[in-house]
């Protein structure tokens, strides 16, 4: 059973989609129940996410995701989403929210009540939020990069 990455061609306009971690099956792609992804570590860096994108840039399940130095200039629902307790560290990204006042959220915690997802570690550090964009953080705060020594 393959567990690395799979490249799929979407039917609309020859666009590509990268699926990491989840193996494909005859019935489709596994979801939150595929817990072997808990040890997965993914870095998403140096991308431009723009016109025509709706959501899932990325969509995270289980595992650890470092989203760094990306440029998000368009989304219709949210930019970064997840379920099943992923850790997401967003650093140095630029988020330009759509003009629609109901689409300013960068993140979406999915398939869990707030009492559960508020413990998931989703953090934003050094991100640039433009046009009202906001990142709903949860879980533990990031530790300082270097410990402060007493004076």
N, C-alpha and C. Protein backbone atom coordinates (compact mmCIF):
# COMPACT_ATOMS: atom_id res chain seq x y z
N UNK A 1 0.85 -1.17 0.00
CA UNK A 1 0.00 0.00 0.00
C UNK A 1 0.90 1.24 0.00
N UNK A 2 0.82 2.10 -1.03
CA UNK A 2 1.69 3.28 -1.09
C UNK A 2 1.31 4.29 -0.01
N UNK A 3 2.33 4.87 0.63
CA UNK A 3 2.05 5.89 1.64
C UNK A 3 2.78 7.19 1.36
N UNK A 4 3.53 7.26 0.25
CA UNK A 4 4.20 8.52 -0.05
C UNK A 4 3.21 9.45 -0.74
N UNK A 5 3.64 10.20 -1.72
CA UNK A 5 2.73 11.15 -2.34
C UNK A 5 2.22 10.63 -3.68
N UNK A 6 1.05 11.11 -4.06
CA UNK A 6 0.41 10.70 -5.29
C UNK A 6 0.04 11.95 -6.07
N UNK A 7 0.35 12.00 -7.35
CA UNK A 7 -0.01 13.15 -8.18
C UNK A 7 -1.25 12.81 -8.99
N UNK A 8 -2.26 13.65 -8.88
CA UNK A 8 -3.52 13.43 -9.58
C UNK A 8 -3.75 14.58 -10.56
N UNK A 9 -4.35 14.30 -11.69
CA UNK A 9 -4.73 15.35 -12.62
C UNK A 9 -6.22 15.59 -12.45
N UNK A 10 -6.59 16.84 -12.22
CA UNK A 10 -8.00 17.17 -12.07
C UNK A 10 -8.62 17.35 -13.45
N UNK A 11 -9.91 17.15 -13.58
CA UNK A 11 -10.54 17.25 -14.89
C UNK A 11 -10.64 18.68 -15.43
N UNK A 12 -10.57 19.67 -14.57
CA UNK A 12 -10.77 21.06 -15.00
C UNK A 12 -9.46 21.74 -15.36
N UNK A 13 -9.21 21.88 -16.64
CA UNK A 13 -8.10 22.70 -17.09
C UNK A 13 -6.71 22.17 -16.84
N UNK A 14 -6.54 20.90 -16.57
CA UNK A 14 -5.20 20.34 -16.39
C UNK A 14 -4.50 20.81 -15.14
N UNK A 15 -5.23 21.20 -14.12
CA UNK A 15 -4.62 21.61 -12.87
C UNK A 15 -4.14 20.39 -12.11
N UNK A 16 -3.23 20.58 -11.19
CA UNK A 16 -2.69 19.46 -10.44
C UNK A 16 -3.00 19.58 -8.96
N UNK A 17 -3.05 18.44 -8.31
CA UNK A 17 -3.35 18.37 -6.90
C UNK A 17 -2.36 17.41 -6.27
N UNK A 18 -1.72 17.80 -5.19
CA UNK A 18 -0.78 16.92 -4.51
C UNK A 18 -1.45 16.38 -3.25
N UNK A 19 -1.49 15.07 -3.11
CA UNK A 19 -2.04 14.41 -1.94
C UNK A 19 -0.88 13.75 -1.22
N UNK A 20 -0.66 14.13 0.03
CA UNK A 20 0.46 13.58 0.79
C UNK A 20 -0.05 12.71 1.92
N UNK A 21 0.56 11.59 2.12
CA UNK A 21 0.27 10.77 3.27
C UNK A 21 -0.77 9.70 3.04
N UNK A 22 -1.97 10.09 2.71
CA UNK A 22 -3.06 9.12 2.59
C UNK A 22 -2.92 8.28 1.34
N UNK A 23 -2.91 6.96 1.48
CA UNK A 23 -2.88 6.12 0.28
C UNK A 23 -4.25 6.14 -0.38
N UNK A 24 -4.26 5.94 -1.67
CA UNK A 24 -5.56 5.87 -2.35
C UNK A 24 -6.09 4.45 -2.24
N UNK A 25 -7.36 4.33 -2.36
CA UNK A 25 -8.00 3.01 -2.33
C UNK A 25 -9.01 2.96 -3.46
N UNK A 26 -9.57 1.81 -3.69
CA UNK A 26 -10.56 1.66 -4.75
C UNK A 26 -11.73 2.61 -4.51
N UNK A 27 -12.11 2.80 -3.27
CA UNK A 27 -13.25 3.65 -2.93
C UNK A 27 -12.92 5.12 -2.83
N UNK A 28 -11.69 5.53 -3.04
CA UNK A 28 -11.33 6.94 -2.92
C UNK A 28 -10.13 7.13 -2.02
N UNK A 29 -10.08 8.27 -1.37
CA UNK A 29 -8.95 8.59 -0.49
C UNK A 29 -9.43 8.52 0.95
N UNK A 30 -8.59 7.95 1.82
CA UNK A 30 -8.94 7.84 3.23
C UNK A 30 -9.04 9.22 3.85
N UNK A 31 -9.82 9.35 4.91
CA UNK A 31 -10.00 10.62 5.59
C UNK A 31 -9.44 10.57 7.00
N UNK A 32 -10.18 11.15 7.94
CA UNK A 32 -9.72 11.27 9.32
C UNK A 32 -9.46 9.93 9.99
N UNK A 33 -10.08 8.87 9.51
CA UNK A 33 -9.91 7.56 10.14
C UNK A 33 -8.55 6.93 9.85
N UNK A 34 -7.81 7.47 8.88
CA UNK A 34 -6.50 6.92 8.53
C UNK A 34 -5.45 7.51 9.46
N UNK A 35 -5.24 6.86 10.60
CA UNK A 35 -4.38 7.41 11.66
C UNK A 35 -2.89 7.18 11.44
N UNK A 36 -2.50 6.45 10.40
CA UNK A 36 -1.08 6.27 10.13
C UNK A 36 -0.40 7.58 9.75
N UNK A 37 -1.18 8.61 9.45
CA UNK A 37 -0.62 9.92 9.11
C UNK A 37 -0.17 10.72 10.34
N UNK A 38 -0.36 10.18 11.54
CA UNK A 38 0.00 10.94 12.75
C UNK A 38 1.47 11.29 12.81
N UNK A 39 2.33 10.52 12.18
CA UNK A 39 3.77 10.80 12.20
C UNK A 39 4.23 11.60 10.98
N UNK A 40 3.32 11.97 10.11
CA UNK A 40 3.67 12.71 8.91
C UNK A 40 4.11 14.13 9.27
N UNK A 41 5.17 14.60 8.60
CA UNK A 41 5.64 15.97 8.75
C UNK A 41 5.74 16.59 7.36
N UNK A 42 5.05 17.71 7.15
CA UNK A 42 4.97 18.33 5.84
C UNK A 42 5.34 19.80 5.95
N UNK A 43 6.16 20.28 5.02
CA UNK A 43 6.43 21.71 4.90
C UNK A 43 5.88 22.18 3.56
N UNK A 44 5.10 23.25 3.61
CA UNK A 44 4.56 23.86 2.40
C UNK A 44 5.17 25.25 2.32
N UNK A 45 6.05 25.46 1.34
CA UNK A 45 6.83 26.70 1.30
C UNK A 45 6.93 27.27 -0.11
N UNK A 46 7.01 28.60 -0.16
CA UNK A 46 7.32 29.35 -1.39
C UNK A 46 6.31 29.13 -2.52
N UNK A 47 5.02 29.15 -2.17
CA UNK A 47 3.95 28.98 -3.16
C UNK A 47 3.13 30.26 -3.27
N UNK A 48 2.49 30.44 -4.40
CA UNK A 48 1.48 31.48 -4.55
C UNK A 48 0.14 30.78 -4.72
N UNK A 49 -0.80 31.08 -3.83
CA UNK A 49 -2.15 30.54 -3.90
C UNK A 49 -3.06 31.70 -4.29
N UNK A 50 -3.64 31.66 -5.50
CA UNK A 50 -4.39 32.81 -5.99
C UNK A 50 -5.71 32.48 -6.63
N UNK A 51 -6.05 33.25 -7.64
CA UNK A 51 -7.33 33.20 -8.33
C UNK A 51 -7.76 31.76 -8.66
N UNK A 52 -9.04 31.49 -8.41
CA UNK A 52 -9.61 30.19 -8.74
C UNK A 52 -9.53 29.17 -7.62
N UNK A 53 -8.85 29.50 -6.52
CA UNK A 53 -8.74 28.56 -5.41
C UNK A 53 -9.81 28.87 -4.38
N UNK A 54 -10.37 27.84 -3.79
CA UNK A 54 -11.50 27.99 -2.88
C UNK A 54 -11.09 27.73 -1.44
N UNK A 55 -10.38 26.62 -1.20
CA UNK A 55 -10.06 26.18 0.15
C UNK A 55 -8.94 25.14 0.09
N UNK A 56 -8.54 24.63 1.25
CA UNK A 56 -7.61 23.50 1.36
C UNK A 56 -6.23 23.80 0.80
N UNK A 57 -5.62 24.85 1.32
CA UNK A 57 -4.29 25.24 0.86
C UNK A 57 -3.31 25.29 2.03
N UNK A 58 -3.12 24.29 2.80
CA UNK A 58 -3.54 22.89 2.68
C UNK A 58 -4.76 22.56 3.55
N UNK A 59 -5.20 21.31 3.42
CA UNK A 59 -6.20 20.70 4.30
C UNK A 59 -5.44 19.63 5.06
N UNK A 60 -5.35 19.79 6.37
CA UNK A 60 -4.46 18.97 7.20
C UNK A 60 -5.25 17.99 8.07
N UNK A 61 -4.78 16.75 8.10
CA UNK A 61 -5.34 15.74 9.00
C UNK A 61 -4.19 15.09 9.73
N UNK A 62 -4.31 15.02 11.05
CA UNK A 62 -3.24 14.41 11.86
C UNK A 62 -1.91 15.12 11.54
N UNK A 63 -0.81 14.62 12.01
CA UNK A 63 0.50 15.08 11.59
C UNK A 63 0.87 16.50 11.96
N UNK A 64 2.01 16.93 11.40
CA UNK A 64 2.60 18.25 11.65
C UNK A 64 2.77 18.97 10.31
N UNK A 65 2.31 20.21 10.25
CA UNK A 65 2.35 20.99 9.02
C UNK A 65 3.01 22.33 9.29
N UNK A 66 4.07 22.62 8.56
CA UNK A 66 4.77 23.90 8.64
C UNK A 66 4.47 24.64 7.34
N UNK A 67 3.70 25.70 7.44
CA UNK A 67 3.28 26.48 6.29
C UNK A 67 4.08 27.78 6.36
N UNK A 68 5.04 27.95 5.43
CA UNK A 68 6.01 29.05 5.58
C UNK A 68 6.27 29.77 4.26
N UNK A 69 6.30 31.10 4.34
CA UNK A 69 6.67 31.97 3.21
C UNK A 69 5.84 31.73 1.95
N UNK A 70 4.54 31.63 2.12
CA UNK A 70 3.62 31.49 0.99
C UNK A 70 2.85 32.80 0.81
N UNK A 71 2.33 33.01 -0.38
CA UNK A 71 1.57 34.20 -0.71
C UNK A 71 0.14 33.78 -1.07
N UNK A 72 -0.80 34.14 -0.21
CA UNK A 72 -2.21 33.80 -0.41
C UNK A 72 -2.93 35.07 -0.85
N UNK A 73 -3.38 35.12 -2.11
CA UNK A 73 -4.05 36.32 -2.59
C UNK A 73 -5.52 36.08 -2.94
N UNK A 74 -6.01 34.88 -2.72
CA UNK A 74 -7.41 34.62 -3.03
C UNK A 74 -7.85 33.31 -2.37
N UNK A 75 -9.01 33.32 -1.78
CA UNK A 75 -9.70 32.10 -1.36
C UNK A 75 -11.18 32.44 -1.27
N UNK A 76 -12.02 31.42 -1.42
CA UNK A 76 -13.46 31.66 -1.39
C UNK A 76 -14.10 31.19 -0.09
N UNK A 77 -13.48 30.25 0.61
CA UNK A 77 -14.03 29.78 1.88
C UNK A 77 -13.02 30.01 3.01
N UNK A 78 -11.84 29.45 2.88
CA UNK A 78 -10.74 29.60 3.84
C UNK A 78 -9.47 29.19 3.13
N UNK A 79 -8.33 29.49 3.73
CA UNK A 79 -7.05 29.11 3.12
C UNK A 79 -6.51 27.81 3.72
N UNK A 80 -6.43 27.74 5.04
CA UNK A 80 -5.83 26.58 5.71
C UNK A 80 -6.88 25.94 6.59
N UNK A 81 -7.10 24.65 6.41
CA UNK A 81 -8.10 23.95 7.21
C UNK A 81 -7.56 22.63 7.72
N UNK A 82 -8.27 22.07 8.68
CA UNK A 82 -7.82 20.79 9.19
C UNK A 82 -8.83 20.13 10.10
N UNK A 83 -8.58 18.85 10.33
CA UNK A 83 -9.38 18.04 11.24
C UNK A 83 -8.48 16.96 11.83
N UNK A 84 -8.97 16.29 12.84
CA UNK A 84 -8.26 15.16 13.46
C UNK A 84 -6.96 15.60 14.13
N UNK A 85 -6.97 16.75 14.79
CA UNK A 85 -5.88 17.20 15.66
C UNK A 85 -4.52 17.37 14.97
N UNK A 86 -4.46 18.07 13.84
CA UNK A 86 -3.14 18.33 13.26
C UNK A 86 -2.46 19.48 14.00
N UNK A 87 -1.14 19.53 13.94
CA UNK A 87 -0.39 20.70 14.40
C UNK A 87 -0.06 21.53 13.17
N UNK A 88 -0.41 22.80 13.21
CA UNK A 88 -0.15 23.70 12.08
C UNK A 88 0.61 24.91 12.59
N UNK A 89 1.81 25.11 12.06
CA UNK A 89 2.60 26.31 12.35
C UNK A 89 2.69 27.12 11.07
N UNK A 90 2.09 28.30 11.09
CA UNK A 90 2.10 29.21 9.95
C UNK A 90 3.08 30.33 10.25
N UNK A 91 4.08 30.50 9.38
CA UNK A 91 5.12 31.49 9.65
C UNK A 91 5.47 32.26 8.38
N UNK A 92 5.47 33.58 8.48
CA UNK A 92 5.95 34.42 7.40
C UNK A 92 5.14 34.37 6.13
N UNK A 93 3.87 34.03 6.24
CA UNK A 93 2.99 34.00 5.07
C UNK A 93 2.30 35.36 4.90
N UNK A 94 1.86 35.63 3.70
CA UNK A 94 1.10 36.84 3.40
C UNK A 94 -0.31 36.41 3.02
N UNK A 95 -1.30 36.89 3.78
CA UNK A 95 -2.70 36.56 3.54
C UNK A 95 -3.47 37.82 3.16
N UNK A 96 -3.92 37.90 1.93
CA UNK A 96 -4.74 39.01 1.45
C UNK A 96 -6.18 38.50 1.34
N UNK A 97 -7.01 38.88 2.30
CA UNK A 97 -8.39 38.37 2.35
C UNK A 97 -9.23 38.93 1.21
N UNK A 98 -10.25 38.16 0.80
CA UNK A 98 -11.19 38.66 -0.21
C UNK A 98 -11.96 39.87 0.34
N UNK A 99 -12.59 40.61 -0.53
CA UNK A 99 -13.36 41.78 -0.10
C UNK A 99 -14.64 41.41 0.64
N UNK A 100 -15.18 40.23 0.41
CA UNK A 100 -16.40 39.77 1.09
C UNK A 100 -16.14 39.68 2.59
N UNK A 101 -16.91 40.41 3.39
CA UNK A 101 -16.65 40.47 4.84
C UNK A 101 -16.87 39.14 5.55
N UNK A 102 -17.53 38.19 4.91
CA UNK A 102 -17.76 36.89 5.52
C UNK A 102 -16.69 35.86 5.16
N UNK A 103 -15.67 36.28 4.42
CA UNK A 103 -14.63 35.35 3.95
C UNK A 103 -13.23 35.79 4.37
N UNK A 104 -13.11 36.39 5.54
CA UNK A 104 -11.83 36.92 6.01
C UNK A 104 -11.01 35.88 6.77
N UNK A 105 -11.64 34.80 7.23
CA UNK A 105 -10.93 33.80 8.04
C UNK A 105 -9.92 33.03 7.19
N UNK A 106 -8.69 32.99 7.66
CA UNK A 106 -7.64 32.22 7.01
C UNK A 106 -7.83 30.74 7.31
N UNK A 107 -8.27 30.42 8.53
CA UNK A 107 -8.33 29.03 8.99
C UNK A 107 -9.76 28.53 9.15
N UNK A 108 -9.88 27.20 9.10
CA UNK A 108 -11.15 26.55 9.41
C UNK A 108 -10.86 25.24 10.12
N UNK A 109 -11.31 25.15 11.37
CA UNK A 109 -11.23 23.90 12.14
C UNK A 109 -12.45 23.08 11.74
N UNK A 110 -12.23 21.87 11.23
CA UNK A 110 -13.33 21.10 10.67
C UNK A 110 -13.63 19.82 11.46
N UNK A 111 -14.88 19.41 11.36
CA UNK A 111 -15.34 18.10 11.85
C UNK A 111 -15.12 17.88 13.34
N UNK A 112 -15.18 18.95 14.13
CA UNK A 112 -15.05 18.82 15.58
C UNK A 112 -15.68 20.03 16.25
N UNK A 113 -16.26 19.84 17.43
CA UNK A 113 -16.80 20.99 18.17
C UNK A 113 -15.65 21.83 18.73
N UNK A 114 -15.94 23.09 19.05
CA UNK A 114 -14.90 23.98 19.59
C UNK A 114 -14.26 23.40 20.85
N UNK A 115 -15.02 22.70 21.67
CA UNK A 115 -14.45 22.11 22.89
C UNK A 115 -13.31 21.15 22.59
N UNK A 116 -13.29 20.59 21.39
CA UNK A 116 -12.22 19.69 20.97
C UNK A 116 -11.12 20.45 20.22
N UNK A 117 -11.48 21.23 19.18
CA UNK A 117 -10.45 21.85 18.34
C UNK A 117 -9.69 22.96 19.05
N UNK A 118 -10.23 23.51 20.11
CA UNK A 118 -9.48 24.57 20.80
C UNK A 118 -8.18 24.06 21.42
N UNK A 119 -8.02 22.73 21.49
CA UNK A 119 -6.77 22.14 22.00
C UNK A 119 -5.79 21.79 20.88
N UNK A 120 -6.21 21.88 19.63
CA UNK A 120 -5.31 21.60 18.51
C UNK A 120 -4.30 22.74 18.41
N UNK A 121 -3.05 22.44 18.17
CA UNK A 121 -2.01 23.46 18.10
C UNK A 121 -1.94 24.07 16.70
N UNK A 122 -2.61 25.20 16.54
CA UNK A 122 -2.60 25.98 15.30
C UNK A 122 -2.06 27.34 15.65
N UNK A 123 -0.92 27.69 15.05
CA UNK A 123 -0.23 28.91 15.45
C UNK A 123 0.15 29.76 14.25
N UNK A 124 0.15 31.05 14.45
CA UNK A 124 0.57 32.00 13.43
C UNK A 124 1.68 32.86 14.03
N UNK A 125 2.79 32.95 13.31
CA UNK A 125 3.91 33.75 13.79
C UNK A 125 4.51 34.52 12.61
N UNK A 126 4.51 35.83 12.70
CA UNK A 126 5.11 36.65 11.64
C UNK A 126 4.34 36.66 10.34
N UNK A 127 3.08 36.24 10.37
CA UNK A 127 2.26 36.29 9.16
C UNK A 127 1.76 37.71 8.94
N UNK A 128 1.61 38.10 7.69
CA UNK A 128 1.09 39.41 7.33
C UNK A 128 -0.38 39.25 6.95
N UNK A 129 -1.25 39.87 7.74
CA UNK A 129 -2.70 39.77 7.52
C UNK A 129 -3.19 41.07 6.88
N UNK A 130 -3.71 40.98 5.66
CA UNK A 130 -4.15 42.16 4.92
C UNK A 130 -5.64 42.10 4.61
N UNK A 131 -6.26 43.26 4.50
CA UNK A 131 -7.67 43.39 4.12
C UNK A 131 -8.59 42.65 5.09
N UNK A 132 -8.23 42.66 6.38
CA UNK A 132 -9.08 42.05 7.41
C UNK A 132 -8.88 40.56 7.62
N UNK A 133 -7.89 39.97 6.98
CA UNK A 133 -7.62 38.53 7.17
C UNK A 133 -7.30 38.26 8.64
N UNK A 134 -7.75 37.10 9.14
CA UNK A 134 -7.40 36.72 10.51
C UNK A 134 -7.20 35.21 10.61
N UNK A 135 -6.28 34.81 11.48
CA UNK A 135 -5.90 33.42 11.72
C UNK A 135 -6.39 33.06 13.11
N UNK A 136 -7.33 32.14 13.21
CA UNK A 136 -7.86 31.72 14.51
C UNK A 136 -6.92 30.68 15.11
N UNK A 137 -6.12 31.14 16.08
CA UNK A 137 -5.15 30.25 16.71
C UNK A 137 -5.84 29.39 17.77
N UNK A 138 -5.22 28.26 18.06
CA UNK A 138 -5.75 27.38 19.09
C UNK A 138 -4.60 26.59 19.71
N UNK A 139 -4.87 25.93 20.83
CA UNK A 139 -3.85 25.11 21.48
C UNK A 139 -2.82 25.93 22.21
N UNK A 140 -1.64 25.34 22.36
CA UNK A 140 -0.55 25.98 23.08
C UNK A 140 0.14 27.02 22.21
N UNK A 141 0.61 28.09 22.84
CA UNK A 141 1.35 29.13 22.12
C UNK A 141 2.72 28.61 21.73
N UNK A 142 3.29 29.22 20.69
CA UNK A 142 4.66 28.89 20.29
C UNK A 142 5.63 29.31 21.38
N UNK A 143 6.64 28.52 21.59
CA UNK A 143 7.70 28.89 22.53
C UNK A 143 8.61 29.90 21.85
N UNK A 144 9.28 30.77 22.64
CA UNK A 144 10.23 31.70 22.02
C UNK A 144 11.31 30.94 21.27
N UNK A 145 11.81 31.55 20.19
CA UNK A 145 12.84 30.90 19.37
C UNK A 145 14.10 30.64 20.18
N UNK A 146 14.45 31.56 21.05
CA UNK A 146 15.62 31.38 21.92
C UNK A 146 15.20 31.72 23.34
N UNK A 147 15.66 30.95 24.30
CA UNK A 147 15.29 31.25 25.68
C UNK A 147 15.91 32.58 26.12
N UNK A 148 15.14 33.33 26.90
CA UNK A 148 15.66 34.58 27.41
C UNK A 148 16.44 34.31 28.68
N UNK A 149 17.64 34.87 28.74
CA UNK A 149 18.48 34.71 29.91
C UNK A 149 18.20 35.83 30.89
N UNK A 150 18.26 35.54 32.19
CA UNK A 150 18.04 36.61 33.17
C UNK A 150 19.13 37.67 33.07
N UNK A 151 18.76 38.92 33.35
CA UNK A 151 19.72 40.03 33.26
C UNK A 151 20.71 40.01 34.40
